[in-house]
Amino acid sequence: MFKPIAIHAVIRAYKKGLSLDKEGELSKDSVNKVSKEFFDLISKKQNNESIYKAIYNRALKLSQYIRKKDKSIKYTFTYDPRKLS
């Protein structure tokens, strides 16, 4: 259940800028950014929509953005809340 949400949180935090320490691990500030994004998604602070609906909407917007650049790419997204429970 949490795997796609965690991946989405990491991607969002990466866009804000993550940094590594000398050992190649995430710095404390970067871990806090990822944790905050994950918490925001889990607690449904994003537009009062479910976690899965929020991720679906963002994926749909991304596909529409990509499709404008190259119309030959075919994307199919389905959202069925009954299958998520």
N, C-alpha and C. Protein backbone atom coordinates (compact mmCIF):
# COMPACT_ATOMS: atom_id res chain seq x y z
N MET A 1 0.82 -1.19 0.00
CA MET A 1 0.00 0.00 0.00
C MET A 1 0.86 1.26 0.00
N PHE A 2 1.94 1.27 0.79
CA PHE A 2 2.70 2.49 0.94
C PHE A 2 3.78 2.66 -0.12
N LYS A 3 4.08 1.62 -0.89
CA LYS A 3 5.20 1.71 -1.83
C LYS A 3 5.00 2.81 -2.88
N PRO A 4 3.85 2.87 -3.61
CA PRO A 4 3.72 3.96 -4.59
C PRO A 4 3.65 5.33 -3.93
N ILE A 5 3.11 5.39 -2.73
CA ILE A 5 3.01 6.67 -2.03
C ILE A 5 4.40 7.14 -1.62
N ALA A 6 5.22 6.22 -1.14
CA ALA A 6 6.58 6.57 -0.73
C ALA A 6 7.41 7.01 -1.93
N ILE A 7 7.26 6.32 -3.04
CA ILE A 7 7.99 6.70 -4.26
C ILE A 7 7.56 8.09 -4.71
N HIS A 8 6.27 8.34 -4.67
CA HIS A 8 5.75 9.65 -5.07
C HIS A 8 6.29 10.74 -4.14
N ALA A 9 6.34 10.46 -2.84
CA ALA A 9 6.87 11.44 -1.88
C ALA A 9 8.34 11.73 -2.15
N VAL A 10 9.10 10.71 -2.48
CA VAL A 10 10.53 10.91 -2.77
C VAL A 10 10.71 11.74 -4.03
N ILE A 11 9.90 11.48 -5.05
CA ILE A 11 10.00 12.25 -6.29
C ILE A 11 9.68 13.72 -6.03
N ARG A 12 8.63 13.97 -5.25
CA ARG A 12 8.27 15.36 -4.94
C ARG A 12 9.36 16.04 -4.13
N ALA A 13 9.94 15.32 -3.18
CA ALA A 13 11.02 15.90 -2.38
C ALA A 13 12.27 16.12 -3.23
N TYR A 14 12.54 15.22 -4.17
CA TYR A 14 13.70 15.35 -5.05
C TYR A 14 13.60 16.63 -5.88
N LYS A 15 12.39 16.95 -6.32
CA LYS A 15 12.20 18.17 -7.10
C LYS A 15 12.53 19.41 -6.27
N LYS A 16 12.34 19.31 -4.95
CA LYS A 16 12.65 20.44 -4.07
C LYS A 16 14.13 20.51 -3.74
N GLY A 17 14.86 19.46 -4.05
CA GLY A 17 16.30 19.44 -3.84
C GLY A 17 16.71 18.62 -2.63
N LEU A 18 17.34 17.50 -2.88
CA LEU A 18 17.87 16.65 -1.82
C LEU A 18 19.39 16.70 -1.88
N SER A 19 20.02 16.55 -0.73
CA SER A 19 21.48 16.58 -0.71
C SER A 19 22.01 15.36 0.04
N LEU A 20 23.22 14.97 -0.32
CA LEU A 20 23.87 13.81 0.29
C LEU A 20 25.03 14.28 1.16
N ASP A 21 25.33 13.49 2.20
CA ASP A 21 26.49 13.79 3.02
C ASP A 21 27.73 13.10 2.46
N LYS A 22 28.82 13.11 3.20
CA LYS A 22 30.10 12.56 2.71
C LYS A 22 30.03 11.06 2.45
N GLU A 23 29.21 10.35 3.22
CA GLU A 23 29.09 8.89 3.06
C GLU A 23 28.12 8.50 1.94
N GLY A 24 27.47 9.47 1.33
CA GLY A 24 26.52 9.18 0.27
C GLY A 24 25.11 8.94 0.77
N GLU A 25 24.87 9.21 2.05
CA GLU A 25 23.53 9.06 2.62
C GLU A 25 22.80 10.40 2.54
N LEU A 26 21.47 10.35 2.64
CA LEU A 26 20.70 11.59 2.66
C LEU A 26 21.06 12.40 3.90
N SER A 27 21.16 13.70 3.74
CA SER A 27 21.42 14.56 4.89
C SER A 27 20.17 14.64 5.75
N LYS A 28 20.32 15.14 6.96
CA LYS A 28 19.20 15.23 7.90
C LYS A 28 18.09 16.10 7.32
N ASP A 29 18.46 17.20 6.69
CA ASP A 29 17.47 18.09 6.09
C ASP A 29 16.71 17.40 4.96
N SER A 30 17.41 16.61 4.16
CA SER A 30 16.77 15.89 3.06
C SER A 30 15.80 14.82 3.58
N VAL A 31 16.19 14.13 4.65
CA VAL A 31 15.30 13.14 5.24
C VAL A 31 14.03 13.82 5.76
N ASN A 32 14.19 15.00 6.34
CA ASN A 32 13.02 15.74 6.82
C ASN A 32 12.10 16.13 5.67
N LYS A 33 12.68 16.52 4.52
CA LYS A 33 11.86 16.87 3.36
C LYS A 33 11.05 15.67 2.87
N VAL A 34 11.70 14.51 2.77
CA VAL A 34 11.01 13.30 2.31
C VAL A 34 9.92 12.92 3.31
N SER A 35 10.23 12.98 4.59
CA SER A 35 9.25 12.63 5.63
C SER A 35 8.05 13.56 5.57
N LYS A 36 8.30 14.85 5.37
CA LYS A 36 7.19 15.81 5.30
C LYS A 36 6.29 15.53 4.10
N GLU A 37 6.88 15.26 2.94
CA GLU A 37 6.08 14.96 1.76
C GLU A 37 5.26 13.69 1.97
N PHE A 38 5.87 12.66 2.56
CA PHE A 38 5.17 11.41 2.83
C PHE A 38 4.03 11.65 3.80
N PHE A 39 4.28 12.43 4.87
CA PHE A 39 3.23 12.72 5.85
C PHE A 39 2.09 13.50 5.21
N ASP A 40 2.43 14.48 4.36
CA ASP A 40 1.38 15.26 3.69
C ASP A 40 0.49 14.37 2.84
N LEU A 41 1.08 13.41 2.13
CA LEU A 41 0.28 12.51 1.30
C LEU A 41 -0.56 11.57 2.16
N ILE A 42 0.03 11.02 3.22
CA ILE A 42 -0.68 10.07 4.07
C ILE A 42 -1.83 10.76 4.80
N SER A 43 -1.62 11.97 5.25
CA SER A 43 -2.65 12.65 6.03
C SER A 43 -3.68 13.36 5.16
N LYS A 44 -3.58 13.19 3.85
CA LYS A 44 -4.55 13.72 2.89
C LYS A 44 -4.69 15.24 2.99
N LYS A 45 -3.58 15.92 3.19
CA LYS A 45 -3.64 17.38 3.26
C LYS A 45 -3.78 18.01 1.88
N GLN A 46 -3.71 17.23 0.85
CA GLN A 46 -3.72 17.74 -0.51
C GLN A 46 -5.16 17.78 -1.05
N ASN A 47 -5.80 18.90 -0.99
CA ASN A 47 -7.11 19.13 -1.62
C ASN A 47 -8.22 18.20 -1.14
N ASN A 48 -8.11 17.67 0.06
CA ASN A 48 -9.14 16.78 0.62
C ASN A 48 -9.48 15.62 -0.29
N GLU A 49 -8.51 15.09 -0.99
CA GLU A 49 -8.75 13.93 -1.83
C GLU A 49 -7.97 12.75 -1.26
N SER A 50 -8.39 11.55 -1.62
CA SER A 50 -7.69 10.37 -1.11
C SER A 50 -6.27 10.34 -1.66
N ILE A 51 -5.43 9.57 -1.00
CA ILE A 51 -4.03 9.46 -1.42
C ILE A 51 -3.95 8.96 -2.85
N TYR A 52 -4.71 7.92 -3.15
CA TYR A 52 -4.64 7.31 -4.47
C TYR A 52 -5.20 8.24 -5.54
N LYS A 53 -6.25 8.96 -5.22
CA LYS A 53 -6.82 9.90 -6.17
C LYS A 53 -5.83 11.04 -6.45
N ALA A 54 -5.11 11.49 -5.42
CA ALA A 54 -4.12 12.56 -5.60
C ALA A 54 -3.00 12.09 -6.51
N ILE A 55 -2.51 10.87 -6.29
CA ILE A 55 -1.44 10.34 -7.14
C ILE A 55 -1.94 10.12 -8.55
N TYR A 56 -3.17 9.62 -8.69
CA TYR A 56 -3.75 9.41 -10.01
C TYR A 56 -3.86 10.74 -10.76
N ASN A 57 -4.35 11.78 -10.09
CA ASN A 57 -4.51 13.08 -10.74
C ASN A 57 -3.16 13.63 -11.20
N ARG A 58 -2.13 13.46 -10.39
CA ARG A 58 -0.81 13.96 -10.78
C ARG A 58 -0.24 13.16 -11.94
N ALA A 59 -0.47 11.85 -11.93
CA ALA A 59 -0.01 11.01 -13.05
C ALA A 59 -0.74 11.38 -14.33
N LEU A 60 -2.04 11.65 -14.22
CA LEU A 60 -2.82 12.04 -15.38
C LEU A 60 -2.33 13.37 -15.95
N LYS A 61 -2.06 14.34 -15.07
CA LYS A 61 -1.54 15.63 -15.53
C LYS A 61 -0.19 15.47 -16.21
N LEU A 62 0.66 14.60 -15.65
CA LEU A 62 1.96 14.34 -16.26
C LEU A 62 1.81 13.72 -17.64
N SER A 63 0.90 12.75 -17.77
CA SER A 63 0.70 12.11 -19.07
C SER A 63 0.16 13.10 -20.10
N GLN A 64 -0.73 14.00 -19.67
CA GLN A 64 -1.25 15.00 -20.59
C GLN A 64 -0.15 15.96 -21.02
N TYR A 65 0.75 16.30 -20.11
CA TYR A 65 1.87 17.17 -20.45
C TYR A 65 2.79 16.50 -21.46
N ILE A 66 3.09 15.22 -21.22
CA ILE A 66 3.96 14.48 -22.13
C ILE A 66 3.28 14.30 -23.48
N ARG A 67 1.99 14.03 -23.47
CA ARG A 67 1.25 13.78 -24.70
C ARG A 67 1.25 15.01 -25.61
N LYS A 68 1.25 16.19 -25.03
CA LYS A 68 1.29 17.41 -25.84
C LYS A 68 2.58 17.49 -26.65
N LYS A 69 3.66 16.95 -26.07
CA LYS A 69 4.95 16.99 -26.77
C LYS A 69 5.04 15.93 -27.85
N ASP A 70 4.52 14.74 -27.58
CA ASP A 70 4.62 13.64 -28.53
C ASP A 70 3.28 12.90 -28.57
N LYS A 71 2.50 13.16 -29.59
CA LYS A 71 1.15 12.59 -29.67
C LYS A 71 1.15 11.10 -29.98
N SER A 72 2.30 10.55 -30.39
CA SER A 72 2.34 9.12 -30.72
C SER A 72 2.39 8.24 -29.46
N ILE A 73 2.74 8.82 -28.30
CA ILE A 73 2.80 8.04 -27.06
C ILE A 73 1.38 7.82 -26.56
N LYS A 74 1.06 6.57 -26.26
CA LYS A 74 -0.27 6.23 -25.75
C LYS A 74 -0.15 5.88 -24.27
N TYR A 75 -0.93 6.55 -23.44
CA TYR A 75 -0.96 6.26 -22.01
C TYR A 75 -2.38 5.89 -21.62
N THR A 76 -2.51 4.95 -20.72
CA THR A 76 -3.82 4.56 -20.21
C THR A 76 -3.75 4.56 -18.70
N PHE A 77 -4.61 5.33 -18.07
CA PHE A 77 -4.72 5.36 -16.62
C PHE A 77 -6.14 4.99 -16.24
N THR A 78 -6.27 4.12 -15.29
CA THR A 78 -7.59 3.76 -14.78
C THR A 78 -7.60 3.98 -13.28
N TYR A 79 -8.72 4.47 -12.79
CA TYR A 79 -8.88 4.68 -11.35
C TYR A 79 -10.19 4.04 -10.94
N ASP A 80 -10.09 3.01 -10.13
CA ASP A 80 -11.28 2.33 -9.62
C ASP A 80 -11.11 2.18 -8.12
N PRO A 81 -11.77 3.05 -7.33
CA PRO A 81 -11.58 3.00 -5.88
C PRO A 81 -12.00 1.67 -5.26
N ARG A 82 -12.88 0.93 -5.90
CA ARG A 82 -13.32 -0.36 -5.34
C ARG A 82 -12.18 -1.37 -5.34
N LYS A 83 -11.25 -1.26 -6.27
CA LYS A 83 -10.14 -2.20 -6.34
C LYS A 83 -9.03 -1.86 -5.34
N LEU A 84 -9.07 -0.68 -4.75
CA LEU A 84 -8.02 -0.26 -3.84
C LEU A 84 -8.22 -0.78 -2.42
N SER A 85 -9.42 -1.19 -2.07
CA SER A 85 -9.66 -1.64 -0.69
C SER A 85 -9.40 -3.10 -0.51
